[in-house]
Amino acid sequence: MSGQKGRLEGRLIAVGITGSIAAYKAPELVRLLQGEGADVVALLSPSATRFVAPLTLEALTRHPAEVDVLSLLPDGRIGHIVVAHSADAIVVAPATAHWLAAMATGLAGDVVTAACLATAAPVVVAPAMDGEMYAHPATVTNVGRLRVDFRYRIVEPEEGPLASGESGVGRLANLPSIVDAVVASVRDRPVRAPGPEARPPYIPAPREADLTDRHVVVTAGGTSEPIDPIRSITNRSTGRMGVALAQAALDRGARVTLIAASVSVPLPDREGAQVVRVESTASMRAALLDTLTGEDGRPGFDALIMAAAVSDFRPSRPAETKIPGGTSMTLDLEPTPDLLAEVSGIARRLGPDRAQPAAGVKARPLIVGFAAETGSLYRAPAKITSKGLDLLVANDVSEAGSGFGTDTNRVTIFSAEGGAEDWPLLTKREVADRILDRLAPMLDARDAAPHTGAVTQETRQ
């Protein structure tokens, strides 16, 4: 291999792994392909999972590792079919004698064979096996059919010591040679699926459990204000951002209360998660106030992340019975309470006296607000002060990929300490992780301040 980087830049390469002891080399093959700029996804036959764990491949590739032909992705798509339709090439390394026979006869009993049968992308095959298996006429015939009839690129195994202790032809080819074969197979082809929406979804990179023993409250979704018992005023929020924040906080060890209005995504159903369903702004306010303080009057949570799209207006006099259709109607609207400012104001008064901190008394909760704007974010910085926030996450919902109903978001984060940080277009889970990356050390600093005498935004209030 020439050592040149970027030969697979922008491409999705699927690595198919079958049940040879040489499967232990698959993670290193993934690394080499990534070093060439490739996005990599893994497919494992059932026997391959006995040599290398799917979790290892998921941690390296940041994609679900496909193991079961019947498994579905979170969005309902069939995993190995998504790989087949979006990968620029599939490289099967190592390929056992059993897999070569199954592939040559079209027996789709595992995700590696099934993906190869379902793809129009080039396939690279690197056999590996023990003893005299590679020289057996059956294997020779199967390899010949893959090379001639299927036009698969075969990277011949090498001669040398084998797992049995014998020596012969059957060692997996050296990994740089396999990478070179993948590069050659796609050299004159356009990228098949350049956009992330057609590719397998990303798995968030694991984060440290830096929110253990923390209680984080997250609001999500859009509130709904009744016009009559049938109709209501609402907004286009799907709750994706709030739910992503709740899941990310749970993954980092937090106890999470999710106050969910109207959402169109699954809610967390796992240990540590409490879901409170609400509908209107008033019911969300009641849920927040119930959560804000514990039975002893101390702060009830460590941080509040207000990601919900709370209605700014509501009908001043909702009808008690259904308004008949077929007639024109004028709605008299009134502003709803500013929940973020109200809760923040209460929270600012909950913290202990920093001059004489009492043992075991929780400090003031930290508050993170969201601001959905259109066209410009010029109004966002003023909300930090007017609403008493620690962080404000603002986005332009009119920007492509950053509005309601998308899986991505482009945000600017403002801090009470001053300044703003523009983040690139990211998945909402990635945005959630980055927000918590900021919040976790702020909580640590908040709790350390009474003992160190450090001056923080909180101690100045």
Foldseek 3Di string as FASTA:
>chain_A
DPPDAQLQALFEEEEEEEQDLQLVCVLVLLVVLVRNRYQYEYFYEPNSCVNPPQVSRCLSRQFRHHWAQPDAAQVGHRALLLCQQQHQEYEYPADELVNLLCLLVQPCPTSSSVSVVNHPHAYEYWYADDDCSCVDPSNVVSVVCCCPVVVHHYDFFDWAQDPVRDTGGGHTDDSVVSSVVVSVRNVPPDRRDSDPVSHGDGHDNQDALLQAPFEEEFEFEWAWAAQEPPDTDIDQAQRLLRQLLQVLNVSSRYQYEYEYEHHDHDHDDDPSYHYHYDHAPVRSLVVLVVQQADPVRAGNGQAYEYPYHHDQKHFPDRHHHDDDPDDDDDGDIDGDDPSLLVSLVVLLVRADQLVDDDPPGAGRHAYEYEAEAAPDCVPPVVCCVNSVHQKYKYFHQVDPQAHHPHQWHWTWMAGPVGDIDTDDIDGSSVVSNVVVVVVSVVSVCRVCCSVPVDDDPSNVD
